[in-house]
């Protein structure tokens, strides 16, 4: 969902409706990320390591925010970075994550 939302900005940047729906879908998907992860963590990891697993997962959210705020934002504001680059990196990153999960995760917990 996130990869498609980011790719929508690249495919149809001049269509306001595509950008609006892409942004809304991305925000809804990111808001549901925690509730979506709960059953996977509960089924895949022993109860004693829940805290560490969630800390690792949530640190990804925080690192992404920090990276975007302190690296991309000044470059975008100064006009030294085209807006398409963050969107293409977002789409590529989520697509690679999808491929990695498809390759390594199994249907049932070990």
PDB file of N, CA and C in Angstrom:
ATOM      1  N   UNK A   1       0.829  -1.175   0.000  1.00  0.00           N
ATOM      2  CA  UNK A   1       0.000   0.000   0.000  1.00  0.00           C
ATOM      3  C   UNK A   1       0.881   1.250   0.000  1.00  0.00           C
ATOM      4  N   UNK A   2       1.907   1.227   0.858  1.00  0.00           N
ATOM      5  CA  UNK A   2       2.780   2.398   0.947  1.00  0.00           C
ATOM      6  C   UNK A   2       3.561   2.602  -0.343  1.00  0.00           C
ATOM      7  N   UNK A   3       4.039   1.518  -0.941  1.00  0.00           N
ATOM      8  CA  UNK A   3       4.790   1.641  -2.195  1.00  0.00           C
ATOM      9  C   UNK A   3       3.903   2.206  -3.299  1.00  0.00           C
ATOM     10  N   UNK A   4       2.661   1.752  -3.379  1.00  0.00           N
ATOM     11  CA  UNK A   4       1.737   2.247  -4.405  1.00  0.00           C
ATOM     12  C   UNK A   4       1.400   3.711  -4.153  1.00  0.00           C
ATOM     13  N   UNK A   5       1.230   4.088  -2.887  1.00  0.00           N
ATOM     14  CA  UNK A   5       0.928   5.488  -2.574  1.00  0.00           C
ATOM     15  C   UNK A   5       2.081   6.400  -2.975  1.00  0.00           C
ATOM     16  N   UNK A   6       3.303   5.986  -2.685  1.00  0.00           N
ATOM     17  CA  UNK A   6       4.463   6.790  -3.073  1.00  0.00           C
ATOM     18  C   UNK A   6       4.622   6.816  -4.589  1.00  0.00           C
ATOM     19  N   UNK A   7       4.377   5.686  -5.234  1.00  0.00           N
ATOM     20  CA  UNK A   7       4.501   5.629  -6.696  1.00  0.00           C
ATOM     21  C   UNK A   7       3.438   6.489  -7.376  1.00  0.00           C
ATOM     22  N   UNK A   8       2.278   6.658  -6.742  1.00  0.00           N
ATOM     23  CA  UNK A   8       1.220   7.485  -7.335  1.00  0.00           C
ATOM     24  C   UNK A   8       1.683   8.919  -7.537  1.00  0.00           C
ATOM     25  N   UNK A   9       2.504   9.409  -6.637  1.00  0.00           N
ATOM     26  CA  UNK A   9       3.042  10.763  -6.790  1.00  0.00           C
ATOM     27  C   UNK A   9       3.947  10.863  -8.018  1.00  0.00           C
ATOM     28  N   UNK A  10       4.635   9.784  -8.333  1.00  0.00           N
ATOM     29  CA  UNK A  10       5.564   9.800  -9.459  1.00  0.00           C
ATOM     30  C   UNK A  10       4.856   9.605 -10.790  1.00  0.00           C
ATOM     31  N   UNK A  11       3.831   8.763 -10.805  1.00  0.00           N
ATOM     32  CA  UNK A  11       3.144   8.421 -12.050  1.00  0.00           C
ATOM     33  C   UNK A  11       2.251   9.560 -12.522  1.00  0.00           C
ATOM     34  N   UNK A  12       1.526  10.159 -11.605  1.00  0.00           N
ATOM     35  CA  UNK A  12       0.566  11.206 -11.989  1.00  0.00           C
ATOM     36  C   UNK A  12       0.744  12.439 -11.115  1.00  0.00           C
ATOM     37  N   UNK A  13       1.890  13.126 -11.219  1.00  0.00           N
ATOM     38  CA  UNK A  13       2.118  14.256 -10.311  1.00  0.00           C
ATOM     39  C   UNK A  13       1.236  15.466 -10.579  1.00  0.00           C
ATOM     40  N   UNK A  14       0.661  15.572 -11.760  1.00  0.00           N
ATOM     41  CA  UNK A  14      -0.141  16.754 -12.092  1.00  0.00           C
ATOM     42  C   UNK A  14      -1.613  16.607 -11.734  1.00  0.00           C
ATOM     43  N   UNK A  15      -2.009  15.417 -11.338  1.00  0.00           N
ATOM     44  CA  UNK A  15      -3.407  15.182 -11.005  1.00  0.00           C
ATOM     45  C   UNK A  15      -3.601  15.315  -9.492  1.00  0.00           C
ATOM     46  N   UNK A  16      -4.306  16.358  -9.103  1.00  0.00           N
ATOM     47  CA  UNK A  16      -4.503  16.622  -7.681  1.00  0.00           C
ATOM     48  C   UNK A  16      -5.229  15.478  -6.977  1.00  0.00           C
ATOM     49  N   UNK A  17      -6.203  14.884  -7.637  1.00  0.00           N
ATOM     50  CA  UNK A  17      -6.975  13.801  -7.015  1.00  0.00           C
ATOM     51  C   UNK A  17      -6.083  12.597  -6.725  1.00  0.00           C
ATOM     52  N   UNK A  18      -5.171  12.259  -7.639  1.00  0.00           N
ATOM     53  CA  UNK A  18      -4.267  11.123  -7.429  1.00  0.00           C
ATOM     54  C   UNK A  18      -3.362  11.397  -6.233  1.00  0.00           C
ATOM     55  N   UNK A  19      -2.838  12.615  -6.143  1.00  0.00           N
ATOM     56  CA  UNK A  19      -1.983  12.954  -5.016  1.00  0.00           C
ATOM     57  C   UNK A  19      -2.756  12.945  -3.700  1.00  0.00           C
ATOM     58  N   UNK A  20      -3.972  13.468  -3.737  1.00  0.00           N
ATOM     59  CA  UNK A  20      -4.782  13.482  -2.525  1.00  0.00           C
ATOM     60  C   UNK A  20      -5.096  12.063  -2.058  1.00  0.00           C
ATOM     61  N   UNK A  21      -5.581  11.213  -2.950  1.00  0.00           N
ATOM     62  CA  UNK A  21      -5.914   9.845  -2.570  1.00  0.00           C
ATOM     63  C   UNK A  21      -4.672   9.065  -2.168  1.00  0.00           C
ATOM     64  N   UNK A  22      -3.561   9.296  -2.861  1.00  0.00           N
ATOM     65  CA  UNK A  22      -2.310   8.636  -2.486  1.00  0.00           C
ATOM     66  C   UNK A  22      -1.885   9.015  -1.080  1.00  0.00           C
ATOM     67  N   UNK A  23      -2.004  10.298  -0.744  1.00  0.00           N
ATOM     68  CA  UNK A  23      -1.631  10.762   0.592  1.00  0.00           C
ATOM     69  C   UNK A  23      -2.571  10.183   1.651  1.00  0.00           C
ATOM     70  N   UNK A  24      -3.872  10.195   1.378  1.00  0.00           N
ATOM     71  CA  UNK A  24      -4.849   9.676   2.342  1.00  0.00           C
ATOM     72  C   UNK A  24      -4.628   8.187   2.580  1.00  0.00           C
ATOM     73  N   UNK A  25      -4.441   7.417   1.517  1.00  0.00           N
ATOM     74  CA  UNK A  25      -4.224   5.976   1.666  1.00  0.00           C
ATOM     75  C   UNK A  25      -2.936   5.710   2.442  1.00  0.00           C
ATOM     76  N   UNK A  26      -1.887   6.483   2.148  1.00  0.00           N
ATOM     77  CA  UNK A  26      -0.628   6.313   2.867  1.00  0.00           C
ATOM     78  C   UNK A  26      -0.786   6.623   4.353  1.00  0.00           C
ATOM     79  N   UNK A  27      -1.503   7.689   4.682  1.00  0.00           N
ATOM     80  CA  UNK A  27      -1.706   8.055   6.092  1.00  0.00           C
ATOM     81  C   UNK A  27      -2.557   7.011   6.813  1.00  0.00           C
ATOM     82  N   UNK A  28      -3.582   6.491   6.150  1.00  0.00           N
ATOM     83  CA  UNK A  28      -4.414   5.455   6.779  1.00  0.00           C
ATOM     84  C   UNK A  28      -3.585   4.193   7.004  1.00  0.00           C
ATOM     85  N   UNK A  29      -2.801   3.802   6.009  1.00  0.00           N
ATOM     86  CA  UNK A  29      -1.972   2.599   6.142  1.00  0.00           C
ATOM     87  C   UNK A  29      -0.932   2.773   7.249  1.00  0.00           C
ATOM     88  N   UNK A  30      -0.320   3.947   7.329  1.00  0.00           N
ATOM     89  CA  UNK A  30       0.675   4.148   8.377  1.00  0.00           C
ATOM     90  C   UNK A  30       0.029   4.221   9.757  1.00  0.00           C
ATOM     91  N   UNK A  31      -1.190   4.739   9.850  1.00  0.00           N
ATOM     92  CA  UNK A  31      -1.891   4.775  11.131  1.00  0.00           C
ATOM     93  C   UNK A  31      -2.270   3.369  11.592  1.00  0.00           C
ATOM     94  N   UNK A  32      -2.502   2.469  10.660  1.00  0.00           N
ATOM     95  CA  UNK A  32      -2.875   1.095  10.995  1.00  0.00           C
ATOM     96  C   UNK A  32      -1.667   0.190  11.183  1.00  0.00           C
ATOM     97  N   UNK A  33      -0.469   0.712  11.024  1.00  0.00           N
ATOM     98  CA  UNK A  33       0.729  -0.126  11.077  1.00  0.00           C
ATOM     99  C   UNK A  33       0.877  -0.835  12.419  1.00  0.00           C
ATOM    100  N   UNK A  34       0.628  -0.127  13.507  1.00  0.00           N
ATOM    101  CA  UNK A  34       0.798  -0.738  14.823  1.00  0.00           C
ATOM    102  C   UNK A  34      -0.202  -1.859  15.031  1.00  0.00           C
ATOM    103  N   UNK A  35      -1.472  -1.611  14.749  1.00  0.00           N
ATOM    104  CA  UNK A  35      -2.470  -2.655  14.955  1.00  0.00           C
ATOM    105  C   UNK A  35      -2.273  -3.826  13.997  1.00  0.00           C
ATOM    106  N   UNK A  36      -1.682  -3.564  12.856  1.00  0.00           N
ATOM    107  CA  UNK A  36      -1.401  -4.642  11.913  1.00  0.00           C
ATOM    108  C   UNK A  36      -0.238  -5.499  12.393  1.00  0.00           C
ATOM    109  N   UNK A  37       0.721  -4.895  13.063  1.00  0.00           N
ATOM    110  CA  UNK A  37       1.899  -5.639  13.526  1.00  0.00           C
ATOM    111  C   UNK A  37       1.622  -6.490  14.761  1.00  0.00           C
ATOM    112  N   UNK A  38       0.640  -6.121  15.560  1.00  0.00           N
ATOM    113  CA  UNK A  38       0.383  -6.828  16.816  1.00  0.00           C
ATOM    114  C   UNK A  38       0.196  -8.340  16.641  1.00  0.00           C
ATOM    115  N   UNK A  39      -0.668  -8.806  15.728  1.00  0.00           N
ATOM    116  CA  UNK A  39      -0.835 -10.253  15.604  1.00  0.00           C
ATOM    117  C   UNK A  39       0.432 -10.961  15.107  1.00  0.00           C
ATOM    118  N   UNK A  40       1.208 -10.294  14.254  1.00  0.00           N
ATOM    119  CA  UNK A  40       2.431 -10.912  13.756  1.00  0.00           C
ATOM    120  C   UNK A  40       3.460 -11.066  14.868  1.00  0.00           C
ATOM    121  N   UNK A  41       3.623 -10.030  15.657  1.00  0.00           N
ATOM    122  CA  UNK A  41       4.586 -10.106  16.759  1.00  0.00           C
ATOM    123  C   UNK A  41       4.137 -11.169  17.761  1.00  0.00           C
ATOM    124  N   UNK A  42       2.842 -11.204  18.066  1.00  0.00           N
ATOM    125  CA  UNK A  42       2.328 -12.201  18.995  1.00  0.00           C
ATOM    126  C   UNK A  42       2.472 -13.622  18.505  1.00  0.00           C
ATOM    127  N   UNK A  43       2.382 -13.827  17.200  1.00  0.00           N
ATOM    128  CA  UNK A  43       2.478 -15.173  16.648  1.00  0.00           C
ATOM    129  C   UNK A  43       3.887 -15.617  16.322  1.00  0.00           C
ATOM    130  N   UNK A  44       4.787 -14.680  16.130  1.00  0.00           N
ATOM    131  CA  UNK A  44       6.125 -15.032  15.664  1.00  0.00           C
ATOM    132  C   UNK A  44       7.200 -14.975  16.727  1.00  0.00           C
ATOM    133  N   UNK A  45       6.970 -14.228  17.788  1.00  0.00           N
ATOM    134  CA  UNK A  45       8.025 -14.026  18.781  1.00  0.00           C
ATOM    135  C   UNK A  45       7.533 -14.436  20.157  1.00  0.00           C
ATOM    136  N   UNK A  46       8.439 -14.956  20.998  1.00  0.00           N
ATOM    137  CA  UNK A  46       8.039 -15.296  22.363  1.00  0.00           C
ATOM    138  C   UNK A  46       7.674 -14.036  23.150  1.00  0.00           C
ATOM    139  N   UNK A  47       6.802 -14.208  24.099  1.00  0.00           N
ATOM    140  CA  UNK A  47       6.275 -13.075  24.861  1.00  0.00           C
ATOM    141  C   UNK A  47       7.378 -12.274  25.554  1.00  0.00           C
ATOM    142  N   UNK A  48       8.449 -12.922  25.970  1.00  0.00           N
ATOM    143  CA  UNK A  48       9.500 -12.237  26.712  1.00  0.00           C
ATOM    144  C   UNK A  48      10.278 -11.226  25.878  1.00  0.00           C
ATOM    145  N   UNK A  49      10.177 -11.295  24.532  1.00  0.00           N
ATOM    146  CA  UNK A  49      10.923 -10.354  23.683  1.00  0.00           C
ATOM    147  C   UNK A  49      10.013  -9.353  22.963  1.00  0.00           C
ATOM    148  N   UNK A  50       8.729  -9.302  23.314  1.00  0.00           N
ATOM    149  CA  UNK A  50       7.814  -8.348  22.671  1.00  0.00           C
ATOM    150  C   UNK A  50       8.344  -6.925  22.720  1.00  0.00           C
ATOM    151  N   UNK A  51       8.823  -6.515  23.878  1.00  0.00           N
ATOM    152  CA  UNK A  51       9.306  -5.143  24.045  1.00  0.00           C
ATOM    153  C   UNK A  51      10.445  -4.819  23.089  1.00  0.00           C
ATOM    154  N   UNK A  52      11.395  -5.743  22.958  1.00  0.00           N
ATOM    155  CA  UNK A  52      12.530  -5.508  22.055  1.00  0.00           C
ATOM    156  C   UNK A  52      12.097  -5.478  20.598  1.00  0.00           C
ATOM    157  N   UNK A  53      11.181  -6.357  20.240  1.00  0.00           N
ATOM    158  CA  UNK A  53      10.703  -6.388  18.853  1.00  0.00           C
ATOM    159  C   UNK A  53       9.975  -5.097  18.514  1.00  0.00           C
ATOM    160  N   UNK A  54       9.083  -4.662  19.389  1.00  0.00           N
ATOM    161  CA  UNK A  54       8.361  -3.414  19.133  1.00  0.00           C
ATOM    162  C   UNK A  54       9.297  -2.209  19.153  1.00  0.00           C
ATOM    163  N   UNK A  55      10.308  -2.232  20.022  1.00  0.00           N
ATOM    164  CA  UNK A  55      11.284  -1.136  20.037  1.00  0.00           C
ATOM    165  C   UNK A  55      12.004  -1.054  18.694  1.00  0.00           C
ATOM    166  N   UNK A  56      12.368  -2.194  18.147  1.00  0.00           N
ATOM    167  CA  UNK A  56      13.034  -2.213  16.839  1.00  0.00           C
ATOM    168  C   UNK A  56      12.096  -1.718  15.738  1.00  0.00           C
ATOM    169  N   UNK A  57      10.854  -2.181  15.752  1.00  0.00           N
ATOM    170  CA  UNK A  57       9.901  -1.766  14.733  1.00  0.00           C
ATOM    171  C   UNK A  57       9.605  -0.267  14.820  1.00  0.00           C
ATOM    172  N   UNK A  58       9.397   0.236  16.023  1.00  0.00           N
ATOM    173  CA  UNK A  58       9.074   1.658  16.179  1.00  0.00           C
ATOM    174  C   UNK A  58      10.276   2.552  15.931  1.00  0.00           C
ATOM    175  N   UNK A  59      11.472   2.026  16.161  1.00  0.00           N
ATOM    176  CA  UNK A  59      12.658   2.839  15.867  1.00  0.00           C
ATOM    177  C   UNK A  59      12.749   3.120  14.373  1.00  0.00           C
ATOM    178  N   UNK A  60      12.225   2.220  13.541  1.00  0.00           N
ATOM    179  CA  UNK A  60      12.192   2.474  12.099  1.00  0.00           C
ATOM    180  C   UNK A  60      11.326   3.682  11.765  1.00  0.00           C
ATOM    181  N   UNK A  61      10.185   3.812  12.442  1.00  0.00           N
ATOM    182  CA  UNK A  61       9.331   4.982  12.229  1.00  0.00           C
ATOM    183  C   UNK A  61      10.069   6.259  12.617  1.00  0.00           C
ATOM    184  N   UNK A  62      10.727   6.209  13.785  1.00  0.00           N
ATOM    185  CA  UNK A  62      11.405   7.395  14.283  1.00  0.00           C
ATOM    186  C   UNK A  62      12.613   7.767  13.420  1.00  0.00           C
ATOM    187  N   UNK A  63      13.377   6.771  13.005  1.00  0.00           N
ATOM    188  CA  UNK A  63      14.527   7.060  12.147  1.00  0.00           C
ATOM    189  C   UNK A  63      14.091   7.629  10.803  1.00  0.00           C
ATOM    190  N   UNK A  64      13.004   7.117  10.265  1.00  0.00           N
ATOM    191  CA  UNK A  64      12.476   7.660   9.012  1.00  0.00           C
ATOM    192  C   UNK A  64      12.057   9.109   9.159  1.00  0.00           C
ATOM    193  N   UNK A  65      11.407   9.413  10.272  1.00  0.00           N
ATOM    194  CA  UNK A  65      10.992  10.795  10.527  1.00  0.00           C
ATOM    195  C   UNK A  65      12.205  11.715  10.662  1.00  0.00           C
ATOM    196  N   UNK A  66      13.191  11.281  11.427  1.00  0.00           N
ATOM    197  CA  UNK A  66      14.398  12.097  11.614  1.00  0.00           C
ATOM    198  C   UNK A  66      15.144  12.300  10.301  1.00  0.00           C
ATOM    199  N   UNK A  67      15.251  11.236   9.512  1.00  0.00           N
ATOM    200  CA  UNK A  67      15.928  11.334   8.218  1.00  0.00           C
ATOM    201  C   UNK A  67      15.216  12.332   7.309  1.00  0.00           C
ATOM    202  N   UNK A  68      13.896  12.210   7.247  1.00  0.00           N
ATOM    203  CA  UNK A  68      13.133  13.123   6.396  1.00  0.00           C
ATOM    204  C   UNK A  68      13.210  14.560   6.899  1.00  0.00           C
ATOM    205  N   UNK A  69      13.143  14.742   8.207  1.00  0.00           N
ATOM    206  CA  UNK A  69      13.137  16.097   8.768  1.00  0.00           C
ATOM    207  C   UNK A  69      14.476  16.800   8.654  1.00  0.00           C
ATOM    208  N   UNK A  70      15.540  16.079   8.935  1.00  0.00           N
ATOM    209  CA  UNK A  70      16.846  16.732   9.006  1.00  0.00           C
ATOM    210  C   UNK A  70      17.696  16.582   7.753  1.00  0.00           C
ATOM    211  N   UNK A  71      17.341  15.672   6.852  1.00  0.00           N
ATOM    212  CA  UNK A  71      18.120  15.508   5.623  1.00  0.00           C
ATOM    213  C   UNK A  71      17.345  16.012   4.408  1.00  0.00           C
ATOM    214  N   UNK A  72      16.157  15.450   4.184  1.00  0.00           N
ATOM    215  CA  UNK A  72      15.399  15.809   2.982  1.00  0.00           C
ATOM    216  C   UNK A  72      14.795  17.206   3.056  1.00  0.00           C
ATOM    217  N   UNK A  73      14.205  17.557   4.191  1.00  0.00           N
ATOM    218  CA  UNK A  73      13.480  18.826   4.278  1.00  0.00           C
ATOM    219  C   UNK A  73      14.344  20.040   3.952  1.00  0.00           C
ATOM    220  N   UNK A  74      15.540  20.203   4.521  1.00  0.00           N
ATOM    221  CA  UNK A  74      16.353  21.372   4.147  1.00  0.00           C
ATOM    222  C   UNK A  74      16.742  21.369   2.669  1.00  0.00           C
ATOM    223  N   UNK A  75      17.034  20.195   2.126  1.00  0.00           N
ATOM    224  CA  UNK A  75      17.399  20.114   0.713  1.00  0.00           C
ATOM    225  C   UNK A  75      16.214  20.441  -0.190  1.00  0.00           C
ATOM    226  N   UNK A  76      15.044  19.943   0.175  1.00  0.00           N
ATOM    227  CA  UNK A  76      13.845  20.249  -0.605  1.00  0.00           C
ATOM    228  C   UNK A  76      13.503  21.729  -0.528  1.00  0.00           C
ATOM    229  N   UNK A  77      13.590  22.299   0.657  1.00  0.00           N
ATOM    230  CA  UNK A  77      13.265  23.714   0.833  1.00  0.00           C
ATOM    231  C   UNK A  77      14.228  24.623   0.083  1.00  0.00           C
ATOM    232  N   UNK A  78      15.494  24.218  -0.003  1.00  0.00           N
ATOM    233  CA  UNK A  78      16.498  25.024  -0.698  1.00  0.00           C
ATOM    234  C   UNK A  78      16.481  24.812  -2.209  1.00  0.00           C
ATOM    235  N   UNK A  79      15.686  23.848  -2.674  1.00  0.00           N
ATOM    236  CA  UNK A  79      15.607  23.573  -4.105  1.00  0.00           C
ATOM    237  C   UNK A  79      16.777  22.767  -4.631  1.00  0.00           C
ATOM    238  N   UNK A  80      17.539  22.138  -3.746  1.00  0.00           N
ATOM    239  CA  UNK A  80      18.688  21.332  -4.170  1.00  0.00           C
ATOM    240  C   UNK A  80      18.358  19.860  -4.343  1.00  0.00           C
ATOM    241  N   UNK A  81      17.131  19.489  -4.039  1.00  0.00           N
ATOM    242  CA  UNK A  81      16.701  18.095  -4.154  1.00  0.00           C
ATOM    243  C   UNK A  81      15.357  18.075  -4.865  1.00  0.00           C
ATOM    244  N   UNK A  82      15.246  17.353  -5.978  1.00  0.00           N
ATOM    245  CA  UNK A  82      13.935  17.281  -6.641  1.00  0.00           C
ATOM    246  C   UNK A  82      12.955  16.482  -5.779  1.00  0.00           C
ATOM    247  N   UNK A  83      11.702  16.917  -5.777  1.00  0.00           N
ATOM    248  CA  UNK A  83      10.702  16.264  -4.937  1.00  0.00           C
ATOM    249  C   UNK A  83      10.477  14.810  -5.327  1.00  0.00           C
ATOM    250  N   UNK A  84      10.819  14.440  -6.566  1.00  0.00           N
ATOM    251  CA  UNK A  84      10.598  13.067  -7.010  1.00  0.00           C
ATOM    252  C   UNK A  84      11.535  12.077  -6.305  1.00  0.00           C
ATOM    253  N   UNK A  85      12.696  12.530  -5.870  1.00  0.00           N
ATOM    254  CA  UNK A  85      13.660  11.618  -5.254  1.00  0.00           C
ATOM    255  C   UNK A  85      13.136  10.987  -3.964  1.00  0.00           C
ATOM    256  N   UNK A  86      12.612  11.741  -2.995  1.00  0.00           N
ATOM    257  CA  UNK A  86      12.066  11.075  -1.802  1.00  0.00           C
ATOM    258  C   UNK A  86      10.920  10.108  -2.131  1.00  0.00           C
ATOM    259  N   UNK A  87      10.066  10.488  -3.087  1.00  0.00           N
ATOM    260  CA  UNK A  87       8.951   9.601  -3.446  1.00  0.00           C
ATOM    261  C   UNK A  87       9.453   8.322  -4.112  1.00  0.00           C
ATOM    262  N   UNK A  88      10.458   8.440  -4.972  1.00  0.00           N
ATOM    263  CA  UNK A  88      10.983   7.238  -5.631  1.00  0.00           C
ATOM    264  C   UNK A  88      11.723   6.355  -4.637  1.00  0.00           C
ATOM    265  N   UNK A  89      12.437   6.954  -3.684  1.00  0.00           N
ATOM    266  CA  UNK A  89      13.105   6.157  -2.657  1.00  0.00           C
ATOM    267  C   UNK A  89      12.086   5.478  -1.752  1.00  0.00           C
ATOM    268  N   UNK A  90      10.996   6.154  -1.466  1.00  0.00           N
ATOM    269  CA  UNK A  90       9.919   5.563  -0.669  1.00  0.00           C
ATOM    270  C   UNK A  90       9.319   4.359  -1.391  1.00  0.00           C
ATOM    271  N   UNK A  91       8.984   4.536  -2.661  1.00  0.00           N
ATOM    272  CA  UNK A  91       8.387   3.444  -3.432  1.00  0.00           C
ATOM    273  C   UNK A  91       9.355   2.276  -3.557  1.00  0.00           C
ATOM    274  N   UNK A  92      10.620   2.563  -3.834  1.00  0.00           N
ATOM    275  CA  UNK A  92      11.621   1.504  -3.975  1.00  0.00           C
ATOM    276  C   UNK A  92      11.849   0.789  -2.651  1.00  0.00           C
ATOM    277  N   UNK A  93      11.954   1.552  -1.559  1.00  0.00           N
ATOM    278  CA  UNK A  93      12.173   0.937  -0.249  1.00  0.00           C
ATOM    279  C   UNK A  93      11.054   0.006   0.168  1.00  0.00           C
ATOM    280  N   UNK A  94       9.817   0.437  -0.021  1.00  0.00           N
ATOM    281  CA  UNK A  94       8.695  -0.424   0.347  1.00  0.00           C
ATOM    282  C   UNK A  94       8.577  -1.627  -0.589  1.00  0.00           C
ATOM    283  N   UNK A  95       8.914  -1.452  -1.852  1.00  0.00           N
ATOM    284  CA  UNK A  95       8.890  -2.582  -2.784  1.00  0.00           C
ATOM    285  C   UNK A  95       9.950  -3.617  -2.397  1.00  0.00           C
ATOM    286  N   UNK A  96      11.140  -3.152  -2.012  1.00  0.00           N
ATOM    287  CA  UNK A  96      12.191  -4.073  -1.559  1.00  0.00           C
ATOM    288  C   UNK A  96      11.785  -4.778  -0.268  1.00  0.00           C
ATOM    289  N   UNK A  97      11.127  -4.058   0.623  1.00  0.00           N
ATOM    290  CA  UNK A  97      10.634  -4.675   1.857  1.00  0.00           C
ATOM    291  C   UNK A  97       9.599  -5.761   1.553  1.00  0.00           C
ATOM    292  N   UNK A  98       8.723  -5.500   0.602  1.00  0.00           N
ATOM    293  CA  UNK A  98       7.733  -6.495   0.195  1.00  0.00           C
ATOM    294  C   UNK A  98       8.398  -7.750  -0.360  1.00  0.00           C
ATOM    295  N   UNK A  99       9.394  -7.572  -1.203  1.00  0.00           N
ATOM    296  CA  UNK A  99      10.119  -8.716  -1.775  1.00  0.00           C
ATOM    297  C   UNK A  99      10.849  -9.487  -0.676  1.00  0.00           C
ATOM    298  N   UNK A 100      11.493  -8.777   0.245  1.00  0.00           N
ATOM    299  CA  UNK A 100      12.212  -9.441   1.335  1.00  0.00           C
ATOM    300  C   UNK A 100      11.256 -10.233   2.222  1.00  0.00           C
ATOM    301  N   UNK A 101      10.108  -9.649   2.555  1.00  0.00           N
ATOM    302  CA  UNK A 101       9.128 -10.363   3.384  1.00  0.00           C
ATOM    303  C   UNK A 101       8.583 -11.587   2.650  1.00  0.00           C
ATOM    304  N   UNK A 102       8.338 -11.450   1.367  1.00  0.00           N
ATOM    305  CA  UNK A 102       7.830 -12.589   0.587  1.00  0.00           C
ATOM    306  C   UNK A 102       8.859 -13.712   0.522  1.00  0.00           C
ATOM    307  N   UNK A 103      10.132 -13.350   0.501  1.00  0.00           N
ATOM    308  CA  UNK A 103      11.180 -14.370   0.391  1.00  0.00           C
ATOM    309  C   UNK A 103      11.459 -15.063   1.724  1.00  0.00           C
ATOM    310  N   UNK A 104      11.420 -14.307   2.844  1.00  0.00           N
ATOM    311  CA  UNK A 104      11.870 -14.873   4.102  1.00  0.00           C
ATOM    312  C   UNK A 104      10.790 -15.253   5.083  1.00  0.00           C
ATOM    313  N   UNK A 105       9.627 -14.639   5.017  1.00  0.00           N
ATOM    314  CA  UNK A 105       8.593 -14.967   5.985  1.00  0.00           C
ATOM    315  C   UNK A 105       7.787 -16.166   5.531  1.00  0.00           C
ATOM    316  N   UNK A 106       7.330 -16.942   6.503  1.00  0.00           N
ATOM    317  CA  UNK A 106       6.531 -18.102   6.202  1.00  0.00           C
ATOM    318  C   UNK A 106       5.089 -17.852   6.638  1.00  0.00           C
ATOM    319  N   UNK A 107       4.193 -18.681   6.166  1.00  0.00           N
ATOM    320  CA  UNK A 107       2.772 -18.530   6.476  1.00  0.00           C
ATOM    321  C   UNK A 107       2.504 -18.720   7.966  1.00  0.00           C
ATOM    322  N   UNK A 108       3.140 -19.711   8.579  1.00  0.00           N
ATOM    323  CA  UNK A 108       2.915 -20.015   9.980  1.00  0.00           C
ATOM    324  C   UNK A 108       4.180 -19.699  10.780  1.00  0.00           C
ATOM    325  N   UNK A 109       4.039 -19.346  12.049  1.00  0.00           N
ATOM    326  CA  UNK A 109       5.229 -19.102  12.859  1.00  0.00           C
ATOM    327  C   UNK A 109       6.046 -20.376  13.023  1.00  0.00           C
ATOM    328  N   UNK A 110       7.357 -20.237  13.221  1.00  0.00           N
ATOM    329  CA  UNK A 110       8.199 -21.437  13.362  1.00  0.00           C
ATOM    330  C   UNK A 110       7.905 -22.185  14.646  1.00  0.00           C
TER     331      UNK A 110
END
